[in-house]
Amino acid sequence: MMTPKEIIEHRARLYTEKNGGGVYDLYAESSELRRFFPDEQSFCTRFAEIVAASSHAGLNIVKETVQGKCAEVTFIEYIAVDDKVTSFFSRSRFVFEGGRWRILREEREMSVK
């Protein structure tokens, strides 16, 4: 079983592999992402558009906190678009569901340099 930190690292690899279905599977049934994209195909269509115009340029895990069936990972993620790298300070909250950790909610702050 992957830890919340490992899930964030895995999601970065899935982004690089352009694997939208794999990314979708990391989210809890009650997550905001699944409420916005109620089926995998609708998410994969949008995900394909995003990854076609960008590439994953790095990840720095800042902190992982686990308390019972809840967890939080803060990290900085770097995304490149047109040779310009944008950093995102992010916080992902997790819930232990169905015998594994899944992403429940995310917050991102963008920093353009």
N, C-alpha and C. Protein backbone atom coordinates (compact mmCIF):
# COMPACT_ATOMS: atom_id res chain seq x y z
N MET A 1 0.84 -1.18 0.00
CA MET A 1 0.00 0.00 0.00
C MET A 1 0.89 1.25 0.00
N MET A 2 0.55 2.21 -0.85
CA MET A 2 1.31 3.45 -0.93
C MET A 2 0.91 4.40 0.19
N THR A 3 1.89 5.14 0.69
CA THR A 3 1.63 6.19 1.66
C THR A 3 1.10 7.41 0.90
N PRO A 4 0.50 8.39 1.59
CA PRO A 4 0.06 9.61 0.90
C PRO A 4 1.19 10.29 0.12
N LYS A 5 2.37 10.37 0.71
CA LYS A 5 3.52 10.98 0.01
C LYS A 5 3.83 10.22 -1.28
N GLU A 6 3.82 8.90 -1.20
CA GLU A 6 4.11 8.08 -2.38
C GLU A 6 3.03 8.25 -3.45
N ILE A 7 1.81 8.51 -3.04
CA ILE A 7 0.73 8.74 -4.01
C ILE A 7 0.98 10.02 -4.79
N ILE A 8 1.43 11.07 -4.12
CA ILE A 8 1.75 12.32 -4.82
C ILE A 8 2.89 12.08 -5.80
N GLU A 9 3.90 11.34 -5.40
CA GLU A 9 5.02 11.01 -6.30
C GLU A 9 4.53 10.16 -7.48
N HIS A 10 3.65 9.22 -7.20
CA HIS A 10 3.09 8.35 -8.25
C HIS A 10 2.26 9.18 -9.24
N ARG A 11 1.47 10.11 -8.70
CA ARG A 11 0.65 10.97 -9.57
C ARG A 11 1.53 11.78 -10.51
N ALA A 12 2.69 12.23 -10.04
CA ALA A 12 3.62 12.97 -10.90
C ALA A 12 4.11 12.07 -12.04
N ARG A 13 4.40 10.79 -11.74
CA ARG A 13 4.82 9.86 -12.80
C ARG A 13 3.68 9.63 -13.79
N LEU A 14 2.45 9.50 -13.28
CA LEU A 14 1.29 9.29 -14.17
C LEU A 14 1.09 10.50 -15.07
N TYR A 15 1.36 11.70 -14.57
CA TYR A 15 1.26 12.92 -15.37
C TYR A 15 2.25 12.84 -16.52
N THR A 16 3.47 12.45 -16.21
CA THR A 16 4.52 12.32 -17.23
C THR A 16 4.15 11.26 -18.27
N GLU A 17 3.53 10.17 -17.81
CA GLU A 17 3.10 9.09 -18.71
C GLU A 17 1.79 9.41 -19.43
N LYS A 18 1.18 10.54 -19.08
CA LYS A 18 -0.11 10.96 -19.67
C LYS A 18 -1.22 9.94 -19.40
N ASN A 19 -1.21 9.39 -18.18
CA ASN A 19 -2.14 8.33 -17.78
C ASN A 19 -3.28 8.93 -16.94
N GLY A 20 -4.27 9.48 -17.61
CA GLY A 20 -5.40 10.10 -16.93
C GLY A 20 -6.22 9.13 -16.11
N GLY A 21 -6.41 7.92 -16.60
CA GLY A 21 -7.16 6.91 -15.85
C GLY A 21 -6.48 6.57 -14.54
N GLY A 22 -5.17 6.48 -14.56
CA GLY A 22 -4.41 6.21 -13.34
C GLY A 22 -4.54 7.34 -12.34
N VAL A 23 -4.51 8.57 -12.82
CA VAL A 23 -4.67 9.73 -11.94
C VAL A 23 -6.07 9.73 -11.33
N TYR A 24 -7.07 9.51 -12.15
CA TYR A 24 -8.47 9.51 -11.68
C TYR A 24 -8.68 8.50 -10.56
N ASP A 25 -8.03 7.37 -10.67
CA ASP A 25 -8.18 6.29 -9.68
C ASP A 25 -7.59 6.65 -8.31
N LEU A 26 -6.75 7.67 -8.24
CA LEU A 26 -6.14 8.06 -6.97
C LEU A 26 -7.08 8.87 -6.08
N TYR A 27 -8.21 9.30 -6.62
CA TYR A 27 -9.12 10.18 -5.89
C TYR A 27 -10.27 9.41 -5.23
N ALA A 28 -10.64 9.86 -4.03
CA ALA A 28 -11.73 9.27 -3.27
C ALA A 28 -13.06 9.49 -3.99
N GLU A 29 -13.99 8.59 -3.76
CA GLU A 29 -15.32 8.70 -4.37
C GLU A 29 -15.98 10.04 -4.02
N SER A 30 -15.74 10.56 -2.82
CA SER A 30 -16.37 11.81 -2.38
C SER A 30 -15.49 13.03 -2.64
N SER A 31 -14.43 12.89 -3.43
CA SER A 31 -13.52 14.00 -3.69
C SER A 31 -14.16 15.06 -4.58
N GLU A 32 -13.61 16.26 -4.49
CA GLU A 32 -14.06 17.35 -5.36
C GLU A 32 -13.85 17.02 -6.82
N LEU A 33 -12.73 16.38 -7.13
CA LEU A 33 -12.44 16.03 -8.52
C LEU A 33 -13.51 15.12 -9.09
N ARG A 34 -13.91 14.11 -8.32
CA ARG A 34 -14.93 13.16 -8.81
C ARG A 34 -16.32 13.79 -8.84
N ARG A 35 -16.56 14.80 -8.04
CA ARG A 35 -17.84 15.51 -8.14
C ARG A 35 -17.88 16.34 -9.43
N PHE A 36 -16.73 16.92 -9.78
CA PHE A 36 -16.66 17.72 -11.00
C PHE A 36 -16.60 16.85 -12.24
N PHE A 37 -15.89 15.73 -12.16
CA PHE A 37 -15.78 14.76 -13.24
C PHE A 37 -16.38 13.44 -12.74
N PRO A 38 -17.69 13.24 -12.92
CA PRO A 38 -18.35 12.06 -12.34
C PRO A 38 -17.96 10.73 -12.98
N ASP A 39 -17.29 10.78 -14.13
CA ASP A 39 -16.86 9.54 -14.76
C ASP A 39 -15.43 9.70 -15.27
N GLU A 40 -14.74 8.59 -15.37
CA GLU A 40 -13.34 8.60 -15.76
C GLU A 40 -13.12 9.21 -17.14
N GLN A 41 -14.00 8.93 -18.07
CA GLN A 41 -13.82 9.43 -19.44
C GLN A 41 -13.84 10.95 -19.51
N SER A 42 -14.75 11.59 -18.79
CA SER A 42 -14.80 13.05 -18.82
C SER A 42 -13.51 13.65 -18.25
N PHE A 43 -12.96 13.03 -17.20
CA PHE A 43 -11.70 13.50 -16.65
C PHE A 43 -10.57 13.27 -17.64
N CYS A 44 -10.52 12.09 -18.23
CA CYS A 44 -9.43 11.75 -19.16
C CYS A 44 -9.40 12.69 -20.36
N THR A 45 -10.55 13.10 -20.82
CA THR A 45 -10.61 14.04 -21.95
C THR A 45 -9.95 15.36 -21.56
N ARG A 46 -10.31 15.89 -20.40
CA ARG A 46 -9.73 17.15 -19.94
C ARG A 46 -8.24 16.98 -19.61
N PHE A 47 -7.89 15.88 -18.98
CA PHE A 47 -6.50 15.61 -18.62
C PHE A 47 -5.62 15.56 -19.87
N ALA A 48 -6.11 14.93 -20.93
CA ALA A 48 -5.35 14.85 -22.19
C ALA A 48 -5.06 16.24 -22.75
N GLU A 49 -6.03 17.14 -22.63
CA GLU A 49 -5.83 18.52 -23.09
C GLU A 49 -4.74 19.22 -22.28
N ILE A 50 -4.75 18.99 -20.98
CA ILE A 50 -3.77 19.64 -20.09
C ILE A 50 -2.36 19.12 -20.37
N VAL A 51 -2.20 17.80 -20.42
CA VAL A 51 -0.84 17.25 -20.59
C VAL A 51 -0.30 17.44 -22.01
N ALA A 52 -1.17 17.67 -22.98
CA ALA A 52 -0.70 17.91 -24.34
C ALA A 52 0.05 19.23 -24.43
N ALA A 53 -0.31 20.18 -23.58
CA ALA A 53 0.29 21.51 -23.64
C ALA A 53 1.33 21.76 -22.55
N SER A 54 1.63 20.75 -21.73
CA SER A 54 2.54 20.96 -20.62
C SER A 54 3.34 19.70 -20.32
N SER A 55 4.33 19.86 -19.45
CA SER A 55 5.09 18.70 -19.00
C SER A 55 5.41 18.87 -17.51
N HIS A 56 5.53 17.75 -16.83
CA HIS A 56 5.87 17.78 -15.41
C HIS A 56 7.36 18.05 -15.30
N ALA A 57 7.72 19.04 -14.49
CA ALA A 57 9.12 19.46 -14.42
C ALA A 57 9.75 19.26 -13.04
N GLY A 58 9.05 18.59 -12.14
CA GLY A 58 9.66 18.31 -10.85
C GLY A 58 8.67 18.37 -9.71
N LEU A 59 9.13 17.83 -8.57
CA LEU A 59 8.28 17.72 -7.38
C LEU A 59 9.17 17.79 -6.16
N ASN A 60 8.73 18.54 -5.17
CA ASN A 60 9.45 18.63 -3.90
C ASN A 60 8.44 18.44 -2.77
N ILE A 61 8.48 17.30 -2.09
CA ILE A 61 7.59 17.04 -0.97
C ILE A 61 8.09 17.85 0.22
N VAL A 62 7.22 18.65 0.82
CA VAL A 62 7.59 19.48 1.96
C VAL A 62 7.30 18.76 3.27
N LYS A 63 6.09 18.19 3.38
CA LYS A 63 5.70 17.57 4.65
C LYS A 63 4.56 16.58 4.44
N GLU A 64 4.61 15.50 5.20
CA GLU A 64 3.52 14.51 5.22
C GLU A 64 3.08 14.36 6.67
N THR A 65 1.77 14.48 6.91
CA THR A 65 1.21 14.30 8.24
C THR A 65 0.10 13.26 8.14
N VAL A 66 0.17 12.25 9.01
CA VAL A 66 -0.85 11.20 9.04
C VAL A 66 -1.42 11.14 10.45
N GLN A 67 -2.75 11.21 10.55
CA GLN A 67 -3.44 11.10 11.83
C GLN A 67 -4.66 10.20 11.63
N GLY A 68 -4.55 8.98 12.09
CA GLY A 68 -5.66 8.03 11.94
C GLY A 68 -5.96 7.76 10.49
N LYS A 69 -7.21 8.01 10.08
CA LYS A 69 -7.64 7.76 8.70
C LYS A 69 -7.62 9.01 7.84
N CYS A 70 -6.92 10.04 8.32
CA CYS A 70 -6.77 11.28 7.57
C CYS A 70 -5.28 11.59 7.42
N ALA A 71 -4.92 12.23 6.32
CA ALA A 71 -3.53 12.60 6.09
C ALA A 71 -3.47 13.86 5.24
N GLU A 72 -2.31 14.49 5.27
CA GLU A 72 -2.11 15.70 4.46
C GLU A 72 -0.67 15.71 3.97
N VAL A 73 -0.49 16.08 2.71
CA VAL A 73 0.85 16.22 2.13
C VAL A 73 0.94 17.62 1.54
N THR A 74 1.97 18.35 1.92
CA THR A 74 2.24 19.64 1.28
C THR A 74 3.47 19.46 0.40
N PHE A 75 3.42 20.09 -0.76
CA PHE A 75 4.49 19.89 -1.73
C PHE A 75 4.52 21.04 -2.73
N ILE A 76 5.64 21.15 -3.42
CA ILE A 76 5.79 22.10 -4.51
C ILE A 76 5.95 21.29 -5.79
N GLU A 77 5.14 21.63 -6.77
CA GLU A 77 5.15 20.92 -8.05
C GLU A 77 5.50 21.93 -9.14
N TYR A 78 6.29 21.49 -10.09
CA TYR A 78 6.74 22.36 -11.18
C TYR A 78 6.19 21.83 -12.50
N ILE A 79 5.52 22.72 -13.24
CA ILE A 79 4.92 22.38 -14.53
C ILE A 79 5.48 23.32 -15.59
N ALA A 80 5.94 22.75 -16.70
CA ALA A 80 6.50 23.56 -17.79
C ALA A 80 5.49 23.68 -18.92
N VAL A 81 5.31 24.92 -19.38
CA VAL A 81 4.46 25.21 -20.53
C VAL A 81 5.23 26.22 -21.39
N ASP A 82 5.45 25.88 -22.64
CA ASP A 82 6.17 26.77 -23.56
C ASP A 82 7.49 27.26 -22.97
N ASP A 83 8.30 26.36 -22.46
CA ASP A 83 9.62 26.67 -21.90
C ASP A 83 9.58 27.60 -20.69
N LYS A 84 8.41 27.76 -20.08
CA LYS A 84 8.29 28.56 -18.87
C LYS A 84 7.80 27.63 -17.76
N VAL A 85 8.53 27.62 -16.64
CA VAL A 85 8.19 26.74 -15.53
C VAL A 85 7.39 27.51 -14.49
N THR A 86 6.27 26.94 -14.11
CA THR A 86 5.42 27.51 -13.07
C THR A 86 5.46 26.58 -11.87
N SER A 87 5.59 27.17 -10.69
CA SER A 87 5.58 26.34 -9.48
C SER A 87 4.25 26.49 -8.77
N PHE A 88 3.80 25.40 -8.20
CA PHE A 88 2.54 25.37 -7.46
C PHE A 88 2.82 24.86 -6.05
N PHE A 89 2.49 25.66 -5.05
CA PHE A 89 2.55 25.18 -3.68
C PHE A 89 1.20 24.52 -3.43
N SER A 90 1.22 23.26 -3.08
CA SER A 90 -0.03 22.49 -3.00
C SER A 90 -0.17 21.77 -1.68
N ARG A 91 -1.42 21.55 -1.32
CA ARG A 91 -1.76 20.77 -0.14
C ARG A 91 -2.83 19.77 -0.56
N SER A 92 -2.54 18.50 -0.39
CA SER A 92 -3.51 17.45 -0.70
C SER A 92 -3.91 16.77 0.59
N ARG A 93 -5.22 16.63 0.77
CA ARG A 93 -5.75 15.94 1.94
C ARG A 93 -6.22 14.56 1.50
N PHE A 94 -5.97 13.58 2.34
CA PHE A 94 -6.27 12.18 2.03
C PHE A 94 -7.22 11.58 3.05
N VAL A 95 -7.92 10.54 2.60
CA VAL A 95 -8.76 9.74 3.47
C VAL A 95 -8.41 8.28 3.21
N PHE A 96 -8.43 7.48 4.28
CA PHE A 96 -8.18 6.05 4.12
C PHE A 96 -9.51 5.41 3.79
N GLU A 97 -9.62 4.88 2.57
CA GLU A 97 -10.91 4.40 2.04
C GLU A 97 -10.68 3.11 1.26
N GLY A 98 -11.47 2.11 1.56
CA GLY A 98 -11.35 0.85 0.82
C GLY A 98 -10.00 0.18 0.97
N GLY A 99 -9.36 0.35 2.12
CA GLY A 99 -8.07 -0.28 2.36
C GLY A 99 -6.87 0.43 1.78
N ARG A 100 -7.05 1.68 1.32
CA ARG A 100 -5.92 2.43 0.77
C ARG A 100 -6.16 3.93 0.92
N TRP A 101 -5.09 4.68 0.81
CA TRP A 101 -5.18 6.13 0.85
C TRP A 101 -5.66 6.65 -0.49
N ARG A 102 -6.56 7.64 -0.43
CA ARG A 102 -7.05 8.29 -1.65
C ARG A 102 -7.15 9.79 -1.42
N ILE A 103 -6.93 10.55 -2.47
CA ILE A 103 -6.97 12.02 -2.37
C ILE A 103 -8.42 12.47 -2.22
N LEU A 104 -8.65 13.33 -1.22
CA LEU A 104 -9.99 13.83 -0.96
C LEU A 104 -10.16 15.27 -1.43
N ARG A 105 -9.18 16.11 -1.13
CA ARG A 105 -9.31 17.54 -1.45
C ARG A 105 -7.92 18.11 -1.70
N GLU A 106 -7.86 19.12 -2.57
CA GLU A 106 -6.57 19.75 -2.88
C GLU A 106 -6.70 21.26 -2.93
N GLU A 107 -5.62 21.92 -2.56
CA GLU A 107 -5.52 23.37 -2.67
C GLU A 107 -4.19 23.68 -3.35
N ARG A 108 -4.21 24.66 -4.26
CA ARG A 108 -2.98 25.02 -4.96
C ARG A 108 -2.83 26.55 -5.02
N GLU A 109 -1.60 26.98 -4.84
CA GLU A 109 -1.26 28.38 -5.03
C GLU A 109 -0.20 28.44 -6.11
N MET A 110 -0.40 29.27 -7.10
CA MET A 110 0.53 29.34 -8.22
C MET A 110 1.53 30.48 -8.02
N SER A 111 2.75 30.23 -8.41
CA SER A 111 3.80 31.24 -8.39
C SER A 111 4.46 31.26 -9.76
N VAL A 112 4.31 32.36 -10.47
CA VAL A 112 4.89 32.48 -11.80
C VAL A 112 6.14 33.34 -11.70
N LYS A 113 7.25 32.81 -12.28
CA LYS A 113 8.52 33.55 -12.24
C LYS A 113 8.98 33.87 -13.63
